[in-house]
Amino acid sequence: MGLGVYATQFIRSSRIIEKCPIIKISRAVIIEKDDYSFNWDSDYFCFVTGYGSLYNHSYTPNAMYVPDFENNLFLFISIKDINENEEIFTNYNGNIYSQDELWFKVGENND
């Protein structure tokens, strides 16, 4: 399941958890998306710095990520109240409601 990111304090719903700078990589250089890059736009993949690549997947996430194209950031935002010491999950499909299969087998701990 990976390392994971945990709340160090109570986080209310609709709060920015983290603003992660990104490193854009041309799709001409990397032909296929790997497990740690995110789709950015039609020309680029990106690597997300900070804790951005450590958030684990869930089909019932308590957070979401939103690209901020103007500032070259990924914003991680709570979509539910998150308790101290609770793991923070996002849906890797980019849509919090998506139940689409992922590129890896989903285990019981991540729905």
PDB file of N, CA and C in Angstrom:
ATOM      1  N   MET A   1       0.811  -1.192   0.000  1.00  0.00           N
ATOM      2  CA  MET A   1       0.000   0.000   0.000  1.00  0.00           C
ATOM      3  C   MET A   1       0.857   1.260   0.000  1.00  0.00           C
ATOM      4  N   GLY A   2       2.108   1.182   0.314  1.00  0.00           N
ATOM      5  CA  GLY A   2       2.935   2.382   0.290  1.00  0.00           C
ATOM      6  C   GLY A   2       3.082   2.998   1.660  1.00  0.00           C
ATOM      7  N   LEU A   3       3.756   4.117   1.708  1.00  0.00           N
ATOM      8  CA  LEU A   3       4.047   4.772   2.976  1.00  0.00           C
ATOM      9  C   LEU A   3       2.828   5.443   3.590  1.00  0.00           C
ATOM     10  N   GLY A   4       2.131   6.267   2.839  1.00  0.00           N
ATOM     11  CA  GLY A   4       0.938   6.935   3.339  1.00  0.00           C
ATOM     12  C   GLY A   4       1.226   8.271   3.995  1.00  0.00           C
ATOM     13  N   VAL A   5       0.172   9.070   4.080  1.00  0.00           N
ATOM     14  CA  VAL A   5       0.217  10.385   4.721  1.00  0.00           C
ATOM     15  C   VAL A   5      -0.868  10.392   5.790  1.00  0.00           C
ATOM     16  N   TYR A   6      -0.514  10.856   6.977  1.00  0.00           N
ATOM     17  CA  TYR A   6      -1.427  10.863   8.117  1.00  0.00           C
ATOM     18  C   TYR A   6      -1.594  12.271   8.647  1.00  0.00           C
ATOM     19  N   ALA A   7      -2.789  12.579   9.083  1.00  0.00           N
ATOM     20  CA  ALA A   7      -3.076  13.898   9.647  1.00  0.00           C
ATOM     21  C   ALA A   7      -2.376  14.040  10.993  1.00  0.00           C
ATOM     22  N   THR A   8      -1.681  15.151  11.197  1.00  0.00           N
ATOM     23  CA  THR A   8      -1.022  15.405  12.479  1.00  0.00           C
ATOM     24  C   THR A   8      -1.926  16.188  13.426  1.00  0.00           C
ATOM     25  N   GLN A   9      -3.070  16.632  12.886  1.00  0.00           N
ATOM     26  CA  GLN A   9      -4.077  17.329  13.680  1.00  0.00           C
ATOM     27  C   GLN A   9      -5.412  17.185  12.975  1.00  0.00           C
ATOM     28  N   PHE A  10      -6.498  17.544  13.642  1.00  0.00           N
ATOM     29  CA  PHE A  10      -7.823  17.487  13.040  1.00  0.00           C
ATOM     30  C   PHE A  10      -7.871  18.445  11.845  1.00  0.00           C
ATOM     31  N   ILE A  11      -8.438  17.967  10.728  1.00  0.00           N
ATOM     32  CA  ILE A  11      -8.571  18.786   9.518  1.00  0.00           C
ATOM     33  C   ILE A  11     -10.043  18.841   9.150  1.00  0.00           C
ATOM     34  N   ARG A  12     -10.587  20.037   9.086  1.00  0.00           N
ATOM     35  CA  ARG A  12     -11.987  20.203   8.674  1.00  0.00           C
ATOM     36  C   ARG A  12     -12.134  19.966   7.176  1.00  0.00           C
ATOM     37  N   SER A  13     -13.324  19.580   6.773  1.00  0.00           N
ATOM     38  CA  SER A  13     -13.644  19.398   5.370  1.00  0.00           C
ATOM     39  C   SER A  13     -13.425  20.696   4.596  1.00  0.00           C
ATOM     40  N   SER A  14     -13.034  20.569   3.360  1.00  0.00           N
ATOM     41  CA  SER A  14     -12.829  21.692   2.427  1.00  0.00           C
ATOM     42  C   SER A  14     -11.628  22.563   2.765  1.00  0.00           C
ATOM     43  N   ARG A  15     -10.648  21.996   3.441  1.00  0.00           N
ATOM     44  CA  ARG A  15      -9.417  22.724   3.770  1.00  0.00           C
ATOM     45  C   ARG A  15      -8.284  22.236   2.873  1.00  0.00           C
ATOM     46  N   ILE A  16      -7.412  23.146   2.493  1.00  0.00           N
ATOM     47  CA  ILE A  16      -6.206  22.745   1.762  1.00  0.00           C
ATOM     48  C   ILE A  16      -5.273  22.050   2.746  1.00  0.00           C
ATOM     49  N   ILE A  17      -4.912  20.828   2.427  1.00  0.00           N
ATOM     50  CA  ILE A  17      -4.005  20.048   3.263  1.00  0.00           C
ATOM     51  C   ILE A  17      -2.562  20.352   2.888  1.00  0.00           C
ATOM     52  N   GLU A  18      -2.323  20.422   1.575  1.00  0.00           N
ATOM     53  CA  GLU A  18      -0.954  20.625   1.098  1.00  0.00           C
ATOM     54  C   GLU A  18      -0.983  21.230  -0.301  1.00  0.00           C
ATOM     55  N   LYS A  19      -0.035  22.128  -0.553  1.00  0.00           N
ATOM     56  CA  LYS A  19       0.203  22.689  -1.890  1.00  0.00           C
ATOM     57  C   LYS A  19       1.533  22.130  -2.364  1.00  0.00           C
ATOM     58  N   CYS A  20       1.471  21.274  -3.380  1.00  0.00           N
ATOM     59  CA  CYS A  20       2.671  20.573  -3.843  1.00  0.00           C
ATOM     60  C   CYS A  20       3.142  21.122  -5.184  1.00  0.00           C
ATOM     61  N   PRO A  21       4.344  21.684  -5.247  1.00  0.00           N
ATOM     62  CA  PRO A  21       4.903  22.066  -6.546  1.00  0.00           C
ATOM     63  C   PRO A  21       5.065  20.831  -7.427  1.00  0.00           C
ATOM     64  N   ILE A  22       4.995  21.035  -8.719  1.00  0.00           N
ATOM     65  CA  ILE A  22       5.136  19.920  -9.658  1.00  0.00           C
ATOM     66  C   ILE A  22       6.351  20.125 -10.549  1.00  0.00           C
ATOM     67  N   ILE A  23       6.840  19.013 -11.083  1.00  0.00           N
ATOM     68  CA  ILE A  23       7.909  19.030 -12.078  1.00  0.00           C
ATOM     69  C   ILE A  23       7.307  18.443 -13.344  1.00  0.00           C
ATOM     70  N   LYS A  24       7.191  19.261 -14.387  1.00  0.00           N
ATOM     71  CA  LYS A  24       6.577  18.812 -15.634  1.00  0.00           C
ATOM     72  C   LYS A  24       7.596  18.051 -16.480  1.00  0.00           C
ATOM     73  N   ILE A  25       7.115  16.944 -17.055  1.00  0.00           N
ATOM     74  CA  ILE A  25       7.925  16.118 -17.944  1.00  0.00           C
ATOM     75  C   ILE A  25       7.155  15.957 -19.247  1.00  0.00           C
ATOM     76  N   SER A  26       7.790  16.302 -20.340  1.00  0.00           N
ATOM     77  CA  SER A  26       7.138  16.236 -21.649  1.00  0.00           C
ATOM     78  C   SER A  26       6.712  14.808 -21.975  1.00  0.00           C
ATOM     79  N   ARG A  27       5.511  14.659 -22.530  1.00  0.00           N
ATOM     80  CA  ARG A  27       5.049  13.349 -22.970  1.00  0.00           C
ATOM     81  C   ARG A  27       5.912  12.834 -24.126  1.00  0.00           C
ATOM     82  N   ALA A  28       6.623  13.729 -24.795  1.00  0.00           N
ATOM     83  CA  ALA A  28       7.539  13.297 -25.862  1.00  0.00           C
ATOM     84  C   ALA A  28       8.750  12.573 -25.278  1.00  0.00           C
ATOM     85  N   VAL A  29       9.093  12.879 -24.025  1.00  0.00           N
ATOM     86  CA  VAL A  29      10.235  12.256 -23.360  1.00  0.00           C
ATOM     87  C   VAL A  29       9.814  10.951 -22.691  1.00  0.00           C
ATOM     88  N   ILE A  30       8.688  10.990 -21.987  1.00  0.00           N
ATOM     89  CA  ILE A  30       8.152   9.799 -21.323  1.00  0.00           C
ATOM     90  C   ILE A  30       6.926   9.366 -22.108  1.00  0.00           C
ATOM     91  N   ILE A  31       6.999   8.235 -22.732  1.00  0.00           N
ATOM     92  CA  ILE A  31       5.909   7.765 -23.574  1.00  0.00           C
ATOM     93  C   ILE A  31       4.738   7.261 -22.740  1.00  0.00           C
ATOM     94  N   GLU A  32       5.027   6.518 -21.665  1.00  0.00           N
ATOM     95  CA  GLU A  32       3.982   5.962 -20.820  1.00  0.00           C
ATOM     96  C   GLU A  32       4.043   6.559 -19.432  1.00  0.00           C
ATOM     97  N   LYS A  33       2.873   6.734 -18.831  1.00  0.00           N
ATOM     98  CA  LYS A  33       2.779   7.193 -17.457  1.00  0.00           C
ATOM     99  C   LYS A  33       3.299   6.081 -16.548  1.00  0.00           C
ATOM    100  N   ASP A  34       4.077   6.441 -15.525  1.00  0.00           N
ATOM    101  CA  ASP A  34       4.529   5.443 -14.569  1.00  0.00           C
ATOM    102  C   ASP A  34       3.673   5.541 -13.303  1.00  0.00           C
ATOM    103  N   ASP A  35       4.003   4.751 -12.292  1.00  0.00           N
ATOM    104  CA  ASP A  35       3.191   4.710 -11.079  1.00  0.00           C
ATOM    105  C   ASP A  35       3.268   5.981 -10.239  1.00  0.00           C
ATOM    106  N   TYR A  36       4.263   6.809 -10.449  1.00  0.00           N
ATOM    107  CA  TYR A  36       4.452   7.974  -9.588  1.00  0.00           C
ATOM    108  C   TYR A  36       4.228   9.307 -10.283  1.00  0.00           C
ATOM    109  N   SER A  37       3.905   9.279 -11.550  1.00  0.00           N
ATOM    110  CA  SER A  37       3.630  10.540 -12.242  1.00  0.00           C
ATOM    111  C   SER A  37       2.122  10.734 -12.358  1.00  0.00           C
ATOM    112  N   PHE A  38       1.730  11.979 -12.501  1.00  0.00           N
ATOM    113  CA  PHE A  38       0.331  12.357 -12.648  1.00  0.00           C
ATOM    114  C   PHE A  38       0.130  12.912 -14.049  1.00  0.00           C
ATOM    115  N   ASN A  39      -1.058  12.790 -14.573  1.00  0.00           N
ATOM    116  CA  ASN A  39      -1.383  13.488 -15.813  1.00  0.00           C
ATOM    117  C   ASN A  39      -1.485  14.975 -15.505  1.00  0.00           C
ATOM    118  N   TRP A  40      -0.892  15.808 -16.341  1.00  0.00           N
ATOM    119  CA  TRP A  40      -0.957  17.256 -16.146  1.00  0.00           C
ATOM    120  C   TRP A  40      -1.836  17.890 -17.227  1.00  0.00           C
ATOM    121  N   ASP A  41      -1.433  17.760 -18.458  1.00  0.00           N
ATOM    122  CA  ASP A  41      -2.237  18.252 -19.581  1.00  0.00           C
ATOM    123  C   ASP A  41      -1.912  17.380 -20.787  1.00  0.00           C
ATOM    124  N   SER A  42      -2.337  17.794 -21.953  1.00  0.00           N
ATOM    125  CA  SER A  42      -2.131  16.947 -23.130  1.00  0.00           C
ATOM    126  C   SER A  42      -0.661  16.852 -23.543  1.00  0.00           C
ATOM    127  N   ASP A  43       0.176  17.757 -23.073  1.00  0.00           N
ATOM    128  CA  ASP A  43       1.599  17.756 -23.442  1.00  0.00           C
ATOM    129  C   ASP A  43       2.529  17.226 -22.352  1.00  0.00           C
ATOM    130  N   TYR A  44       2.049  17.179 -21.105  1.00  0.00           N
ATOM    131  CA  TYR A  44       2.938  16.868 -19.978  1.00  0.00           C
ATOM    132  C   TYR A  44       2.348  15.877 -18.989  1.00  0.00           C
ATOM    133  N   PHE A  45       3.227  15.065 -18.420  1.00  0.00           N
ATOM    134  CA  PHE A  45       3.000  14.371 -17.167  1.00  0.00           C
ATOM    135  C   PHE A  45       3.663  15.260 -16.122  1.00  0.00           C
ATOM    136  N   CYS A  46       3.491  14.936 -14.855  1.00  0.00           N
ATOM    137  CA  CYS A  46       4.239  15.681 -13.846  1.00  0.00           C
ATOM    138  C   CYS A  46       4.545  14.784 -12.661  1.00  0.00           C
ATOM    139  N   PHE A  47       5.604  15.139 -11.977  1.00  0.00           N
ATOM    140  CA  PHE A  47       5.928  14.537 -10.704  1.00  0.00           C
ATOM    141  C   PHE A  47       5.552  15.548  -9.642  1.00  0.00           C
ATOM    142  N   VAL A  48       4.902  15.070  -8.602  1.00  0.00           N
ATOM    143  CA  VAL A  48       4.404  15.939  -7.536  1.00  0.00           C
ATOM    144  C   VAL A  48       5.380  15.855  -6.371  1.00  0.00           C
ATOM    145  N   THR A  49       5.851  17.000  -5.911  1.00  0.00           N
ATOM    146  CA  THR A  49       6.811  17.041  -4.810  1.00  0.00           C
ATOM    147  C   THR A  49       6.068  17.089  -3.473  1.00  0.00           C
ATOM    148  N   GLY A  50       6.792  17.353  -2.416  1.00  0.00           N
ATOM    149  CA  GLY A  50       6.180  17.315  -1.085  1.00  0.00           C
ATOM    150  C   GLY A  50       5.741  15.894  -0.777  1.00  0.00           C
ATOM    151  N   TYR A  51       4.624  15.764  -0.079  1.00  0.00           N
ATOM    152  CA  TYR A  51       4.079  14.440   0.219  1.00  0.00           C
ATOM    153  C   TYR A  51       3.146  13.948  -0.892  1.00  0.00           C
ATOM    154  N   GLY A  52       3.018  14.719  -1.966  1.00  0.00           N
ATOM    155  CA  GLY A  52       2.045  14.440  -3.012  1.00  0.00           C
ATOM    156  C   GLY A  52       2.041  13.040  -3.577  1.00  0.00           C
ATOM    157  N   SER A  53       3.194  12.415  -3.688  1.00  0.00           N
ATOM    158  CA  SER A  53       3.258  11.064  -4.248  1.00  0.00           C
ATOM    159  C   SER A  53       3.102   9.975  -3.190  1.00  0.00           C
ATOM    160  N   LEU A  54       2.884  10.368  -1.946  1.00  0.00           N
ATOM    161  CA  LEU A  54       2.780   9.388  -0.861  1.00  0.00           C
ATOM    162  C   LEU A  54       1.341   9.132  -0.411  1.00  0.00           C
ATOM    163  N   TYR A  55       0.383   9.944  -0.884  1.00  0.00           N
ATOM    164  CA  TYR A  55      -1.014   9.707  -0.515  1.00  0.00           C
ATOM    165  C   TYR A  55      -1.470   8.396  -1.149  1.00  0.00           C
ATOM    166  N   ASN A  56      -2.090   7.536  -0.373  1.00  0.00           N
ATOM    167  CA  ASN A  56      -2.577   6.256  -0.895  1.00  0.00           C
ATOM    168  C   ASN A  56      -3.966   6.409  -1.495  1.00  0.00           C
ATOM    169  N   HIS A  57      -4.337   5.403  -2.289  1.00  0.00           N
ATOM    170  CA  HIS A  57      -5.624   5.381  -2.993  1.00  0.00           C
ATOM    171  C   HIS A  57      -6.731   4.781  -2.144  1.00  0.00           C
ATOM    172  N   SER A  58      -7.946   5.321  -2.338  1.00  0.00           N
ATOM    173  CA  SER A  58      -9.157   4.688  -1.830  1.00  0.00           C
ATOM    174  C   SER A  58     -10.302   5.083  -2.752  1.00  0.00           C
ATOM    175  N   TYR A  59     -11.244   4.149  -2.941  1.00  0.00           N
ATOM    176  CA  TYR A  59     -12.468   4.482  -3.673  1.00  0.00           C
ATOM    177  C   TYR A  59     -13.440   5.248  -2.780  1.00  0.00           C
ATOM    178  N   THR A  60     -13.121   5.367  -1.494  1.00  0.00           N
ATOM    179  CA  THR A  60     -13.896   6.189  -0.557  1.00  0.00           C
ATOM    180  C   THR A  60     -12.925   7.166   0.117  1.00  0.00           C
ATOM    181  N   PRO A  61     -12.388   8.111  -0.656  1.00  0.00           N
ATOM    182  CA  PRO A  61     -11.337   8.998  -0.137  1.00  0.00           C
ATOM    183  C   PRO A  61     -11.878  10.033   0.855  1.00  0.00           C
ATOM    184  N   ASN A  62     -10.958  10.585   1.626  1.00  0.00           N
ATOM    185  CA  ASN A  62     -11.302  11.702   2.501  1.00  0.00           C
ATOM    186  C   ASN A  62     -10.642  12.995   2.011  1.00  0.00           C
ATOM    187  N   ALA A  63      -9.958  12.900   0.868  1.00  0.00           N
ATOM    188  CA  ALA A  63      -9.311  14.072   0.268  1.00  0.00           C
ATOM    189  C   ALA A  63      -9.331  13.923  -1.251  1.00  0.00           C
ATOM    190  N   MET A  64      -9.043  15.001  -1.923  1.00  0.00           N
ATOM    191  CA  MET A  64      -8.944  14.986  -3.384  1.00  0.00           C
ATOM    192  C   MET A  64      -7.755  15.836  -3.786  1.00  0.00           C
ATOM    193  N   TYR A  65      -7.298  15.629  -5.008  1.00  0.00           N
ATOM    194  CA  TYR A  65      -6.240  16.493  -5.526  1.00  0.00           C
ATOM    195  C   TYR A  65      -6.787  17.276  -6.707  1.00  0.00           C
ATOM    196  N   VAL A  66      -6.321  18.513  -6.813  1.00  0.00           N
ATOM    197  CA  VAL A  66      -6.782  19.427  -7.854  1.00  0.00           C
ATOM    198  C   VAL A  66      -5.558  20.102  -8.460  1.00  0.00           C
ATOM    199  N   PRO A  67      -5.379  20.023  -9.771  1.00  0.00           N
ATOM    200  CA  PRO A  67      -4.251  20.729 -10.377  1.00  0.00           C
ATOM    201  C   PRO A  67      -4.519  22.235 -10.396  1.00  0.00           C
ATOM    202  N   ASP A  68      -3.510  23.001 -10.056  1.00  0.00           N
ATOM    203  CA  ASP A  68      -3.542  24.468 -10.159  1.00  0.00           C
ATOM    204  C   ASP A  68      -2.583  24.810 -11.288  1.00  0.00           C
ATOM    205  N   PHE A  69      -3.118  24.852 -12.511  1.00  0.00           N
ATOM    206  CA  PHE A  69      -2.287  25.038 -13.702  1.00  0.00           C
ATOM    207  C   PHE A  69      -1.567  26.380 -13.702  1.00  0.00           C
ATOM    208  N   GLU A  70      -2.204  27.405 -13.192  1.00  0.00           N
ATOM    209  CA  GLU A  70      -1.602  28.742 -13.193  1.00  0.00           C
ATOM    210  C   GLU A  70      -0.325  28.805 -12.360  1.00  0.00           C
ATOM    211  N   ASN A  71      -0.323  28.082 -11.232  1.00  0.00           N
ATOM    212  CA  ASN A  71       0.813  28.144 -10.315  1.00  0.00           C
ATOM    213  C   ASN A  71       1.678  26.883 -10.315  1.00  0.00           C
ATOM    214  N   ASN A  72       1.407  25.935 -11.236  1.00  0.00           N
ATOM    215  CA  ASN A  72       2.158  24.676 -11.307  1.00  0.00           C
ATOM    216  C   ASN A  72       2.193  23.953  -9.960  1.00  0.00           C
ATOM    217  N   LEU A  73       0.991  23.767  -9.399  1.00  0.00           N
ATOM    218  CA  LEU A  73       0.834  23.096  -8.115  1.00  0.00           C
ATOM    219  C   LEU A  73      -0.222  22.005  -8.214  1.00  0.00           C
ATOM    220  N   PHE A  74      -0.129  21.032  -7.337  1.00  0.00           N
ATOM    221  CA  PHE A  74      -1.230  20.120  -7.066  1.00  0.00           C
ATOM    222  C   PHE A  74      -1.706  20.473  -5.665  1.00  0.00           C
ATOM    223  N   LEU A  75      -2.987  20.731  -5.513  1.00  0.00           N
ATOM    224  CA  LEU A  75      -3.567  21.017  -4.207  1.00  0.00           C
ATOM    225  C   LEU A  75      -4.231  19.762  -3.683  1.00  0.00           C
ATOM    226  N   PHE A  76      -3.956  19.406  -2.466  1.00  0.00           N
ATOM    227  CA  PHE A  76      -4.636  18.298  -1.801  1.00  0.00           C
ATOM    228  C   PHE A  76      -5.601  18.920  -0.806  1.00  0.00           C
ATOM    229  N   ILE A  77      -6.883  18.586  -0.968  1.00  0.00           N
ATOM    230  CA  ILE A  77      -7.967  19.252  -0.231  1.00  0.00           C
ATOM    231  C   ILE A  77      -8.815  18.197   0.467  1.00  0.00           C
ATOM    232  N   SER A  78      -9.143  18.444   1.722  1.00  0.00           N
ATOM    233  CA  SER A  78     -10.006  17.513   2.461  1.00  0.00           C
ATOM    234  C   SER A  78     -11.437  17.613   1.925  1.00  0.00           C
ATOM    235  N   ILE A  79     -12.080  16.459   1.785  1.00  0.00           N
ATOM    236  CA  ILE A  79     -13.483  16.445   1.349  1.00  0.00           C
ATOM    237  C   ILE A  79     -14.391  15.952   2.469  1.00  0.00           C
ATOM    238  N   LYS A  80     -13.778  15.577   3.575  1.00  0.00           N
ATOM    239  CA  LYS A  80     -14.478  15.157   4.792  1.00  0.00           C
ATOM    240  C   LYS A  80     -13.637  15.657   5.957  1.00  0.00           C
ATOM    241  N   ASP A  81     -14.214  15.706   7.148  1.00  0.00           N
ATOM    242  CA  ASP A  81     -13.411  15.942   8.330  1.00  0.00           C
ATOM    243  C   ASP A  81     -12.442  14.767   8.482  1.00  0.00           C
ATOM    244  N   ILE A  82     -11.200  15.066   8.826  1.00  0.00           N
ATOM    245  CA  ILE A  82     -10.172  14.039   9.001  1.00  0.00           C
ATOM    246  C   ILE A  82      -9.620  14.176  10.414  1.00  0.00           C
ATOM    247  N   ASN A  83      -9.655  13.102  11.144  1.00  0.00           N
ATOM    248  CA  ASN A  83      -9.188  13.121  12.528  1.00  0.00           C
ATOM    249  C   ASN A  83      -7.670  13.024  12.615  1.00  0.00           C
ATOM    250  N   GLU A  84      -7.128  13.519  13.717  1.00  0.00           N
ATOM    251  CA  GLU A  84      -5.699  13.384  13.979  1.00  0.00           C
ATOM    252  C   GLU A  84      -5.317  11.911  13.907  1.00  0.00           C
ATOM    253  N   ASN A  85      -4.192  11.606  13.294  1.00  0.00           N
ATOM    254  CA  ASN A  85      -3.636  10.260  13.102  1.00  0.00           C
ATOM    255  C   ASN A  85      -4.384   9.419  12.068  1.00  0.00           C
ATOM    256  N   GLU A  86      -5.401   9.965  11.416  1.00  0.00           N
ATOM    257  CA  GLU A  86      -6.126   9.243  10.374  1.00  0.00           C
ATOM    258  C   GLU A  86      -5.351   9.352   9.061  1.00  0.00           C
ATOM    259  N   GLU A  87      -5.308   8.248   8.310  1.00  0.00           N
ATOM    260  CA  GLU A  87      -4.630   8.298   7.019  1.00  0.00           C
ATOM    261  C   GLU A  87      -5.459   9.111   6.031  1.00  0.00           C
ATOM    262  N   ILE A  88      -4.757   9.859   5.197  1.00  0.00           N
ATOM    263  CA  ILE A  88      -5.403  10.682   4.172  1.00  0.00           C
ATOM    264  C   ILE A  88      -5.321   9.930   2.851  1.00  0.00           C
ATOM    265  N   PHE A  89      -6.487   9.723   2.232  1.00  0.00           N
ATOM    266  CA  PHE A  89      -6.586   8.988   0.973  1.00  0.00           C
ATOM    267  C   PHE A  89      -7.153   9.869  -0.126  1.00  0.00           C
ATOM    268  N   THR A  90      -6.712   9.620  -1.344  1.00  0.00           N
ATOM    269  CA  THR A  90      -7.313  10.234  -2.533  1.00  0.00           C
ATOM    270  C   THR A  90      -7.740   9.117  -3.473  1.00  0.00           C
ATOM    271  N   ASN A  91      -8.575   9.438  -4.440  1.00  0.00           N
ATOM    272  CA  ASN A  91      -8.923   8.484  -5.487  1.00  0.00           C
ATOM    273  C   ASN A  91      -7.978   8.745  -6.638  1.00  0.00           C
ATOM    274  N   TYR A  92      -7.153   7.784  -6.967  1.00  0.00           N
ATOM    275  CA  TYR A  92      -6.138   7.972  -8.008  1.00  0.00           C
ATOM    276  C   TYR A  92      -6.730   8.250  -9.389  1.00  0.00           C
ATOM    277  N   ASN A  93      -7.998   7.976  -9.577  1.00  0.00           N
ATOM    278  CA  ASN A  93      -8.624   8.261 -10.866  1.00  0.00           C
ATOM    279  C   ASN A  93      -8.858   9.756 -11.077  1.00  0.00           C
ATOM    280  N   GLY A  94      -8.633  10.567 -10.048  1.00  0.00           N
ATOM    281  CA  GLY A  94      -8.798  12.011 -10.186  1.00  0.00           C
ATOM    282  C   GLY A  94     -10.205  12.495  -9.892  1.00  0.00           C
ATOM    283  N   ASN A  95     -11.165  11.604  -9.917  1.00  0.00           N
ATOM    284  CA  ASN A  95     -12.558  11.922  -9.607  1.00  0.00           C
ATOM    285  C   ASN A  95     -12.909  11.147  -8.345  1.00  0.00           C
ATOM    286  N   ILE A  96     -13.354  11.839  -7.312  1.00  0.00           N
ATOM    287  CA  ILE A  96     -13.586  11.174  -6.024  1.00  0.00           C
ATOM    288  C   ILE A  96     -14.649  10.094  -6.093  1.00  0.00           C
ATOM    289  N   TYR A  97     -15.515  10.146  -7.096  1.00  0.00           N
ATOM    290  CA  TYR A  97     -16.594   9.164  -7.222  1.00  0.00           C
ATOM    291  C   TYR A  97     -16.265   8.021  -8.174  1.00  0.00           C
ATOM    292  N   SER A  98     -15.169   8.104  -8.877  1.00  0.00           N
ATOM    293  CA  SER A  98     -14.827   7.102  -9.888  1.00  0.00           C
ATOM    294  C   SER A  98     -14.557   5.737  -9.255  1.00  0.00           C
ATOM    295  N   GLN A  99     -15.136   4.714  -9.848  1.00  0.00           N
ATOM    296  CA  GLN A  99     -14.892   3.334  -9.440  1.00  0.00           C
ATOM    297  C   GLN A  99     -14.124   2.583 -10.520  1.00  0.00           C
ATOM    298  N   ASP A 100     -13.565   3.332 -11.486  1.00  0.00           N
ATOM    299  CA  ASP A 100     -12.816   2.715 -12.578  1.00  0.00           C
ATOM    300  C   ASP A 100     -11.616   1.945 -12.040  1.00  0.00           C
ATOM    301  N   GLU A 101     -11.283   0.854 -12.712  1.00  0.00           N
ATOM    302  CA  GLU A 101     -10.119   0.070 -12.328  1.00  0.00           C
ATOM    303  C   GLU A 101      -8.858   0.907 -12.460  1.00  0.00           C
ATOM    304  N   LEU A 102      -7.890   0.591 -11.615  1.00  0.00           N
ATOM    305  CA  LEU A 102      -6.596   1.266 -11.658  1.00  0.00           C
ATOM    306  C   LEU A 102      -5.592   0.398 -12.398  1.00  0.00           C
ATOM    307  N   TRP A 103      -4.376   0.895 -12.553  1.00  0.00           N
ATOM    308  CA  TRP A 103      -3.322   0.185 -13.269  1.00  0.00           C
ATOM    309  C   TRP A 103      -2.625  -0.839 -12.381  1.00  0.00           C
ATOM    310  N   PHE A 104      -3.097  -0.987 -11.138  1.00  0.00           N
ATOM    311  CA  PHE A 104      -2.562  -1.990 -10.228  1.00  0.00           C
ATOM    312  C   PHE A 104      -3.732  -2.637  -9.493  1.00  0.00           C
ATOM    313  N   LYS A 105      -3.475  -3.785  -8.900  1.00  0.00           N
ATOM    314  CA  LYS A 105      -4.521  -4.490  -8.157  1.00  0.00           C
ATOM    315  C   LYS A 105      -4.760  -3.765  -6.841  1.00  0.00           C
ATOM    316  N   VAL A 106      -6.008  -3.454  -6.591  1.00  0.00           N
ATOM    317  CA  VAL A 106      -6.380  -2.744  -5.367  1.00  0.00           C
ATOM    318  C   VAL A 106      -6.568  -3.772  -4.254  1.00  0.00           C
ATOM    319  N   GLY A 107      -5.894  -3.538  -3.125  1.00  0.00           N
ATOM    320  CA  GLY A 107      -5.985  -4.450  -1.985  1.00  0.00           C
ATOM    321  C   GLY A 107      -7.120  -4.086  -1.046  1.00  0.00           C
ATOM    322  N   GLU A 108      -7.327  -4.907  -0.033  1.00  0.00           N
ATOM    323  CA  GLU A 108      -8.437  -4.694   0.881  1.00  0.00           C
ATOM    324  C   GLU A 108      -8.282  -3.434   1.722  1.00  0.00           C
ATOM    325  N   ASN A 109      -7.061  -2.976   1.979  1.00  0.00           N
ATOM    326  CA  ASN A 109      -6.863  -1.774   2.778  1.00  0.00           C
ATOM    327  C   ASN A 109      -7.122  -0.490   2.016  1.00  0.00           C
ATOM    328  N   ASN A 110      -7.138  -0.571   0.686  1.00  0.00           N
ATOM    329  CA  ASN A 110      -7.390   0.633  -0.089  1.00  0.00           C
ATOM    330  C   ASN A 110      -8.587   0.427  -1.014  1.00  0.00           C
ATOM    331  N   ASP A 111      -9.585  -0.253  -0.483  1.00  0.00           N
ATOM    332  CA  ASP A 111     -10.875  -0.491  -1.140  1.00  0.00           C
ATOM    333  C   ASP A 111     -10.695  -1.339  -2.366  1.00  0.00           C
TER     334      ASP A 111
END
